Structure formats: structure tokens, C-alpha cells
Amino acid sequence: MRVALVGYGPAGSFFHAPLIAATPGLELDTVVTRSPERRAHARAEHPGAAFADSADELWARAGDLDLVVLASPNRTHVPLATAALEAGLPVVVDKPLAGTAAQARALAALADARGLMLSVFHNRRWDSDFLTLRALLEQGGIGEPYRFESRFERWRPRLKGGWRESGDPADIGGLLYDLGSHLVDQALALFGPARRVYAEADARRAGTTADDDSFIAITHASGVRSHLWMSATAARLGPRLRILGSEGGFVTYGLDPQEAALREGLRPGEGTAWGAEPEPAWGTLGTDGSARPVPSVPGDYPAFYAAVVAALRDGAPPPVTALEAAAALEVIEAARRSAHEGRVVEL
């Protein structure tokens, strides 16, 4: 199946293009970018791909394509996804799908009306730590879960510039939409719908106008409470995941190795144990004084595009639905309102 990739920045070049190329049944047909430098990089990595200056060129030849992947700036996701669906093309959109849950639901309705697949690249559902925790929950390893803590923290005291750090609402920037999209999606995938949201959102670095140090507390309908941290100003990093339950707890530090491997130019299926964590990186399960290491389930980003192939060929469910993305956006909108008004928001 012939894939057009719109955008060849970090998301397009480090994540989507390599994973598309590594997926049986997919071929990277066209890359949309005007940048000569990015074209040169794409040509070296994917010599069979053609190039286009704008996504509009794709709609004119929609019959030659089978899938469009949007790895473009956040503000373009809704208009480009709408155009792709109206051209009769299935779509994968990098997170966040939209700036609001209402926009995400409108895209879901359009995809349903056209009978087309629409999926969102919440790849962190295939992180090693998330897969390990999900397996432990399914096995009852901690008993009844009470509290879930999850962090994506970085130490970046100086601004890098660009739309991700923009406070303009049209850019859909800031960490609540960036790292928060992953954290909220993971919490909802594990523990179900949110009922109450409390949040704090700060812009701490000099010159920034977007949140760069934020916190979300979710009370799920299941009774579990999720506490989620996202920060670019964390000089000391906390646990990546900590979950506490009636029979014990699970704690793990550090990040899934797949992003670093992709950035280093490694590719799935090239002879390495893809997504595997070394034993020192394993999390521990139990109680203080009697915790034991738990072998990590290997991370599996390739599973996302394998599921896309199954959805397109066999009618299987997409790996992440637009309505699931809308549920996460509803929490993020509530978090922004909570932080602005200083109150708990009921959903």
C-alpha cells in the first residue's frame, strides 16, 4: 500500500518514515516537504520516495495512494485530515489529533461517513514500560489498583524555539498537548474514562508563553486516581511509572529505548532485539523490603503500523481510534480550564 507522508521534521523522519518503511505491506511513496535539507535526508534514507511541495498535490492524485500520514505541525492536523478524508484517503495523524475534543469527534464522524480509517499515532501505548504494566494489571500483580503516577520529565532549561513552545492557541503548543497527550491517553487506556480533572500549568522558562511544567490529576470512573507530570524544567527526574495497589506496587525509571534507537538510525528488523530493555532498566514489583525485578515486555512501535495494515486490508479496528483521541483531548481541555480557574472540573 502506497503511503504519503506529510512533514519530515522530527516526527516524520525519526518515527513515521522508518516505521512505515519497516512495515510489510506498506511503501513510502511520497514525502511532502519543501525543505532542501529535509529532502536530501529523506532521499538518502528512502531513495524510492517521490516528493511534493504541498499536501494539495496529493489530493489531485488520491487514486495513486492508499494512506496519508500527517506528521505536520499541530495547527494543520484538522484541515489536512479533513482534506485527506474528503479526497477519499485513510489517514494516520500524529498526536494530538486536534485542538479540541469537538474537532476530533467531527473528524471521526467524517471518517465514518466516508467509510475510511482514521487513526492517531499514540505510539506510547507500545512503550516497554506501558506494556509491562498492562501485563501486570491483567495478571493481578498488584491486586486492586489505587493510584497511578506517570511522568515525562526533561531538563531543558533553555528554549529551543519553534511552534511547540508557542503560546498562540492556534499553534496547539505547550506540554499539556505535547507530552500530556501521551500521558492522558495511557491513563485512559489503562483505567478507563475520567470523571474529574484538576491541573496546574506553569510557564517557567524565561521568554516562554506556553506551559512547560504541568501536572494533571484524574479521578477515573473506576475509582483509580492518576497523577501525571510533564515538564521541561525537571533538574532531577522522578520515576517514569509508579502504581500502587492493594497487594503491592510497581516502579520503573527511565524511558523506553525505541525513540533513542530510531534517532540513532537503528531500524526494526535489522538484527537487534527491538524494544528490549536491559536488565538494569527493569522495574520492580512488590513492597518495600520485598520487591523483585520484573522482566520488561519489549517495546513495539512497529505494532502500530502493522495494525494499520490490518485495518486497511482486513477491516480490523484501527490501533487508536479518533474517539479515543477525543476522550484524551477532553481531559486536556478540562486540565487547561482547571489550571486557569484554579478548580476541579467535572466531566
Protein backbone atom coordinates (compact mmCIF):
# COMPACT_ATOMS: atom_id res chain seq x y z
CA MET A 1 0.00 0.00 0.00
CA ARG A 2 1.34 3.38 -1.07
CA VAL A 3 1.81 5.91 1.73
CA ALA A 4 2.20 9.68 1.52
CA LEU A 5 3.94 11.28 4.49
CA VAL A 6 3.19 14.96 5.10
CA GLY A 7 6.03 16.54 7.07
CA TYR A 8 9.63 15.41 7.51
CA GLY A 9 10.64 17.08 10.74
CA PRO A 10 11.49 15.02 13.85
CA ALA A 11 8.13 13.22 13.91
CA GLY A 12 8.22 12.37 10.21
CA SER A 13 11.89 11.50 9.87
CA PHE A 14 12.57 9.74 13.19
CA PHE A 15 9.26 7.98 13.78
CA HIS A 16 6.87 7.66 10.87
CA ALA A 17 9.13 7.19 7.86
CA PRO A 18 11.30 4.44 9.42
CA LEU A 19 8.30 2.60 10.84
CA ILE A 20 6.40 2.80 7.55
CA ALA A 21 9.44 1.52 5.67
CA ALA A 22 9.83 -1.37 8.13
CA THR A 23 6.18 -2.50 7.90
CA PRO A 24 5.37 -5.36 5.50
CA GLY A 25 2.61 -4.22 3.18
CA LEU A 26 3.50 -0.51 3.27
CA GLU A 27 5.68 1.52 0.92
CA LEU A 28 6.72 5.13 1.44
CA ASP A 29 5.59 6.59 -1.89
CA THR A 30 5.71 10.37 -1.39
CA VAL A 31 7.18 12.77 1.17
CA VAL A 32 5.69 16.27 1.39
CA THR A 33 8.33 18.84 2.35
CA ARG A 34 9.71 21.97 0.71
CA SER A 35 12.99 21.96 2.69
CA PRO A 36 16.01 21.06 0.52
CA GLU A 37 17.82 19.74 3.59
CA ARG A 38 14.93 17.50 4.60
CA ARG A 39 14.51 16.29 1.05
CA ALA A 40 18.19 15.33 0.93
CA HIS A 41 17.83 13.44 4.22
CA ALA A 42 14.68 11.66 3.03
CA ARG A 43 16.26 10.80 -0.32
CA ALA A 44 19.24 9.20 1.44
CA GLU A 45 17.05 7.20 3.81
CA HIS A 46 14.24 6.34 1.37
CA PRO A 47 15.63 6.51 -2.18
CA GLY A 48 12.42 5.23 -3.77
CA ALA A 49 10.22 8.03 -2.46
CA ALA A 50 8.98 10.93 -4.58
CA PHE A 51 8.48 14.47 -3.25
CA ALA A 52 5.75 17.08 -3.23
CA ASP A 53 5.80 20.72 -2.15
CA SER A 54 2.36 20.70 -0.54
CA ALA A 55 -0.36 18.31 0.57
CA ASP A 56 -2.65 19.80 -2.09
CA GLU A 57 -0.63 17.88 -4.69
CA LEU A 58 -1.71 14.63 -3.01
CA TRP A 59 -5.43 15.23 -3.34
CA ALA A 60 -5.08 15.59 -7.11
CA ARG A 61 -3.61 12.09 -7.31
CA ALA A 62 -5.54 10.44 -4.50
CA GLY A 63 -6.21 7.41 -6.70
CA ASP A 64 -2.48 6.63 -6.69
CA LEU A 65 -2.30 6.49 -2.88
CA ASP A 66 -3.66 4.22 -0.16
CA LEU A 67 -2.84 6.11 3.04
CA VAL A 68 -1.86 9.61 4.17
CA VAL A 69 0.20 10.12 7.34
CA LEU A 70 0.22 13.61 8.87
CA ALA A 71 3.42 14.48 10.74
CA SER A 72 2.96 18.20 10.18
CA PRO A 73 2.61 20.99 12.81
CA ASN A 74 -0.35 20.62 15.14
CA ARG A 75 -2.29 23.56 13.70
CA THR A 76 -2.50 21.74 10.33
CA HIS A 77 -3.88 18.43 11.61
CA VAL A 78 -7.59 19.21 11.35
CA PRO A 79 -7.57 20.93 7.93
CA LEU A 80 -5.23 18.37 6.37
CA ALA A 81 -7.06 15.37 7.83
CA THR A 82 -10.34 16.83 6.59
CA ALA A 83 -8.91 17.32 3.10
CA ALA A 84 -7.48 13.79 3.01
CA LEU A 85 -10.77 12.20 4.07
CA GLU A 86 -12.71 14.30 1.57
CA ALA A 87 -10.29 13.10 -1.11
CA GLY A 88 -11.19 9.52 -0.17
CA LEU A 89 -7.95 8.64 1.63
CA PRO A 90 -7.49 6.89 5.00
CA VAL A 91 -5.43 8.92 7.46
CA VAL A 92 -2.99 8.49 10.34
CA VAL A 93 -2.49 11.71 12.31
CA ASP A 94 0.31 12.35 14.77
CA LYS A 95 -0.93 13.33 18.21
CA PRO A 96 -2.72 15.48 19.14
CA LEU A 97 -5.41 14.82 16.56
CA ALA A 98 -6.89 18.28 17.10
CA GLY A 99 -7.01 21.21 19.48
CA THR A 100 -10.42 20.26 20.89
CA ALA A 101 -12.43 17.13 21.51
CA ALA A 102 -15.24 18.57 19.37
CA GLN A 103 -12.91 18.87 16.37
CA ALA A 104 -11.70 15.29 16.93
CA ARG A 105 -15.25 13.98 17.06
CA ALA A 106 -16.13 15.87 13.87
CA LEU A 107 -13.20 14.18 12.11
CA ALA A 108 -14.35 10.81 13.44
CA ALA A 109 -17.84 11.45 12.06
CA LEU A 110 -16.42 12.44 8.66
CA ALA A 111 -14.29 9.29 8.50
CA ASP A 112 -17.30 7.14 9.41
CA ALA A 113 -19.47 8.85 6.81
CA ARG A 114 -16.83 8.21 4.14
CA GLY A 115 -16.13 4.65 5.31
CA LEU A 116 -12.44 5.48 5.83
CA MET A 117 -9.93 4.59 8.53
CA LEU A 118 -8.76 7.42 10.78
CA SER A 119 -6.18 6.65 13.44
CA VAL A 120 -3.96 8.66 15.78
CA PHE A 121 -0.29 7.95 16.47
CA HIS A 122 -0.36 7.47 20.24
CA ASN A 123 2.77 5.35 19.96
CA ARG A 124 3.45 5.41 23.70
CA ARG A 125 0.86 2.66 24.13
CA TRP A 126 3.62 0.45 22.72
CA ASP A 127 6.36 1.60 25.13
CA SER A 128 8.05 -1.18 27.04
CA ASP A 129 7.08 0.17 30.47
CA PHE A 130 3.43 0.61 29.47
CA LEU A 131 3.20 -2.91 28.00
CA THR A 132 4.85 -4.33 31.13
CA LEU A 133 2.45 -2.51 33.43
CA ARG A 134 -0.57 -3.56 31.39
CA ALA A 135 0.55 -7.18 31.60
CA LEU A 136 0.96 -6.90 35.38
CA LEU A 137 -2.53 -5.43 35.72
CA GLU A 138 -4.01 -8.24 33.63
CA GLN A 139 -2.22 -10.79 35.82
CA GLY A 140 -3.37 -9.11 39.05
CA GLY A 141 0.23 -8.50 40.09
CA ILE A 142 -0.54 -5.55 42.37
CA GLY A 143 -4.07 -6.50 43.43
CA GLU A 144 -6.67 -3.74 43.10
CA PRO A 145 -5.00 -0.62 41.65
CA TYR A 146 -5.43 2.57 43.66
CA ARG A 147 -3.07 5.22 42.38
CA PHE A 148 -1.17 5.60 39.11
CA GLU A 149 1.74 8.02 38.72
CA SER A 150 3.30 8.72 35.33
CA ARG A 151 5.96 11.22 34.26
CA PHE A 152 7.55 12.54 31.11
CA GLU A 153 10.16 14.89 32.53
CA ARG A 154 13.13 16.56 30.87
CA TRP A 155 15.81 19.05 31.80
CA ARG A 156 15.73 21.70 29.07
CA PRO A 157 16.24 24.99 30.90
CA ARG A 158 16.61 26.97 27.66
CA LEU A 159 14.03 27.35 24.92
CA LYS A 160 14.66 25.61 21.61
CA GLY A 161 12.22 27.81 19.69
CA GLY A 162 9.52 26.77 17.27
CA TRP A 163 5.78 26.23 17.34
CA ARG A 164 5.87 23.57 20.06
CA GLU A 165 6.85 26.29 22.54
CA SER A 166 4.37 28.84 21.20
CA GLY A 167 1.64 30.25 23.41
CA ASP A 168 -0.54 31.12 20.41
CA PRO A 169 -3.66 28.95 20.84
CA ALA A 170 -3.73 28.33 17.08
CA ASP A 171 -0.37 26.52 17.32
CA ILE A 172 -1.70 24.00 19.89
CA GLY A 173 1.69 24.14 21.62
CA GLY A 174 2.83 23.56 25.19
CA LEU A 175 3.42 20.38 27.16
CA LEU A 176 -0.22 19.66 28.00
CA TYR A 177 -0.83 18.99 24.31
CA ASP A 178 2.61 17.50 23.64
CA LEU A 179 3.71 15.10 26.38
CA GLY A 180 0.36 15.39 28.11
CA SER A 181 -1.37 13.79 25.12
CA HIS A 182 0.64 10.62 25.69
CA LEU A 183 0.26 10.60 29.47
CA VAL A 184 -3.50 11.11 29.41
CA ASP A 185 -4.01 8.56 26.63
CA GLN A 186 -2.05 5.94 28.59
CA ALA A 187 -4.02 6.61 31.78
CA LEU A 188 -7.37 6.34 29.99
CA ALA A 189 -6.28 3.20 28.14
CA LEU A 190 -5.37 1.54 31.46
CA PHE A 191 -8.09 2.75 33.81
CA GLY A 192 -11.00 3.97 31.73
CA PRO A 193 -12.92 7.24 31.46
CA ALA A 194 -12.16 10.31 33.54
CA ARG A 195 -14.79 11.85 35.80
CA ARG A 196 -12.89 14.72 37.47
CA VAL A 197 -9.78 16.66 36.47
CA TYR A 198 -7.53 19.01 38.42
CA ALA A 199 -4.43 20.57 36.85
CA GLU A 200 -1.58 23.03 37.30
CA ALA A 201 0.12 24.57 34.26
CA ASP A 202 3.10 26.91 34.52
CA ALA A 203 5.38 28.69 32.05
CA ARG A 204 8.62 28.75 33.99
CA ARG A 205 11.42 29.35 31.50
CA ALA A 206 12.39 32.90 30.59
CA GLY A 207 10.68 34.02 27.41
CA THR A 208 8.19 31.16 27.13
CA THR A 209 4.49 31.76 26.60
CA ALA A 210 3.42 28.09 26.66
CA ASP A 211 3.15 25.70 29.60
CA ASP A 212 6.44 23.89 30.22
CA ASP A 213 5.87 22.47 33.73
CA SER A 214 2.43 20.96 34.26
CA PHE A 215 0.53 18.43 36.36
CA ILE A 216 -2.82 16.66 35.87
CA ALA A 217 -4.80 14.70 38.47
CA ILE A 218 -7.53 12.47 37.06
CA THR A 219 -10.21 10.66 39.03
CA HIS A 220 -11.39 7.78 36.84
CA ALA A 221 -14.88 6.36 36.86
CA SER A 222 -13.23 3.12 38.03
CA GLY A 223 -12.06 4.86 41.21
CA VAL A 224 -8.36 4.85 40.28
CA ARG A 225 -6.58 8.18 40.63
CA SER A 226 -3.93 9.10 38.06
CA HIS A 227 -1.28 11.74 38.76
CA LEU A 228 0.55 12.85 35.62
CA TRP A 229 3.61 15.12 35.40
CA MET A 230 5.06 16.69 32.26
CA SER A 231 7.99 19.06 32.49
CA ALA A 232 10.90 20.59 30.58
CA THR A 233 12.33 22.02 33.80
CA ALA A 234 12.95 18.90 35.90
CA ALA A 235 16.56 19.03 37.12
CA ARG A 236 16.02 15.70 38.93
CA LEU A 237 13.82 13.08 37.29
CA GLY A 238 11.19 11.07 39.14
CA PRO A 239 10.04 7.51 38.37
CA ARG A 240 8.69 7.02 34.87
CA LEU A 241 5.82 4.94 36.30
CA ARG A 242 4.67 4.10 39.80
CA ILE A 243 1.45 2.25 40.54
CA LEU A 244 0.18 1.33 43.98
CA GLY A 245 -2.43 -1.33 44.72
CA SER A 246 -3.91 -3.49 47.43
CA GLU A 247 -1.21 -6.19 47.15
CA GLY A 248 1.86 -4.16 46.20
CA GLY A 249 3.31 -1.66 43.80
CA PHE A 250 5.35 -1.43 40.61
CA VAL A 251 8.01 1.21 39.95
CA THR A 252 10.16 1.78 36.89
CA TYR A 253 12.63 4.51 35.89
CA GLY A 254 13.93 5.72 32.57
CA LEU A 255 12.47 5.91 29.07
CA ASP A 256 11.56 3.21 26.58
CA PRO A 257 14.59 2.67 24.29
CA GLN A 258 12.80 2.87 20.94
CA GLU A 259 12.87 6.63 20.39
CA ALA A 260 16.61 6.78 21.09
CA ALA A 261 17.21 3.84 18.76
CA LEU A 262 15.23 5.48 15.94
CA ARG A 263 17.08 8.77 16.41
CA GLU A 264 20.38 6.89 16.22
CA GLY A 265 19.38 5.44 12.85
CA LEU A 266 18.57 1.93 14.05
CA ARG A 267 15.58 0.25 12.43
CA PRO A 268 13.20 -2.55 13.44
CA GLY A 269 14.11 -5.91 11.96
CA GLU A 270 17.77 -5.13 11.43
CA GLY A 271 19.03 -7.88 13.69
CA THR A 272 18.66 -6.15 17.05
CA ALA A 273 16.29 -7.20 19.83
CA TRP A 274 13.98 -4.30 19.02
CA GLY A 275 12.46 -2.55 22.02
CA ALA A 276 14.14 -4.80 24.58
CA GLU A 277 15.26 -3.22 27.83
CA PRO A 278 18.47 -4.38 29.57
CA GLU A 279 18.01 -5.99 32.95
CA PRO A 280 19.26 -2.92 34.92
CA ALA A 281 16.33 -0.97 33.42
CA TRP A 282 13.66 -3.42 34.57
CA GLY A 283 11.06 -2.19 37.03
CA THR A 284 10.43 -3.73 40.43
CA LEU A 285 7.25 -5.24 41.86
CA GLY A 286 6.25 -5.83 45.47
CA THR A 287 6.52 -3.85 48.68
CA ASP A 288 9.41 -2.02 50.31
CA GLY A 289 11.82 -4.67 51.53
CA SER A 290 10.44 -7.44 49.32
CA ALA A 291 10.38 -6.09 45.78
CA ARG A 292 11.68 -8.13 42.85
CA PRO A 293 12.72 -7.18 39.32
CA VAL A 294 10.15 -7.79 36.59
CA PRO A 295 11.45 -8.57 33.08
CA SER A 296 10.29 -5.80 30.76
CA VAL A 297 7.97 -6.62 27.86
CA PRO A 298 9.82 -5.37 24.74
CA GLY A 299 8.53 -2.12 23.31
CA ASP A 300 6.80 -2.49 19.96
CA TYR A 301 6.22 0.67 17.91
CA PRO A 302 6.09 -1.45 14.71
CA ALA A 303 2.82 -2.92 16.05
CA PHE A 304 1.07 0.39 15.36
CA TYR A 305 1.60 0.31 11.60
CA ALA A 306 1.06 -3.46 11.48
CA ALA A 307 -2.38 -2.75 12.95
CA VAL A 308 -2.93 -0.01 10.34
CA VAL A 309 -2.26 -2.59 7.60
CA ALA A 310 -4.76 -4.98 9.23
CA ALA A 311 -7.35 -2.19 9.42
CA LEU A 312 -6.95 -1.26 5.76
CA ARG A 313 -6.74 -4.79 4.36
CA ASP A 314 -8.99 -6.77 6.67
CA GLY A 315 -11.30 -4.23 8.27
CA ALA A 316 -9.77 -4.72 11.72
CA PRO A 317 -10.19 -1.87 14.24
CA PRO A 318 -7.57 0.90 13.90
CA PRO A 319 -4.81 0.80 16.52
CA VAL A 320 -6.06 4.03 18.12
CA THR A 321 -9.46 5.46 17.23
CA ALA A 322 -10.32 9.11 16.76
CA LEU A 323 -12.88 8.86 19.56
CA GLU A 324 -10.19 7.59 21.94
CA ALA A 325 -8.09 10.60 20.97
CA ALA A 326 -11.12 12.82 21.56
CA ALA A 327 -11.50 11.44 25.09
CA ALA A 328 -7.89 12.39 25.86
CA LEU A 329 -8.44 15.85 24.38
CA GLU A 330 -11.50 16.30 26.59
CA VAL A 331 -9.26 15.72 29.62
CA ILE A 332 -6.62 18.13 28.30
CA GLU A 333 -9.25 20.81 27.72
CA ALA A 334 -10.53 20.26 31.25
CA ALA A 335 -6.95 20.47 32.55
CA ARG A 336 -6.38 23.81 30.82
CA ARG A 337 -9.64 25.12 32.29
CA SER A 338 -8.76 23.79 35.75
CA ALA A 339 -5.31 25.39 35.69
CA HIS A 340 -6.74 28.72 34.53
CA GLU A 341 -9.61 28.80 37.01
CA GLY A 342 -7.93 27.01 39.92
CA ARG A 343 -10.67 24.44 40.46
CA VAL A 344 -11.61 20.83 39.89
CA VAL A 345 -13.50 20.27 36.63
CA GLU A 346 -16.25 17.65 36.44
CA LEU A 347 -16.63 15.77 33.15
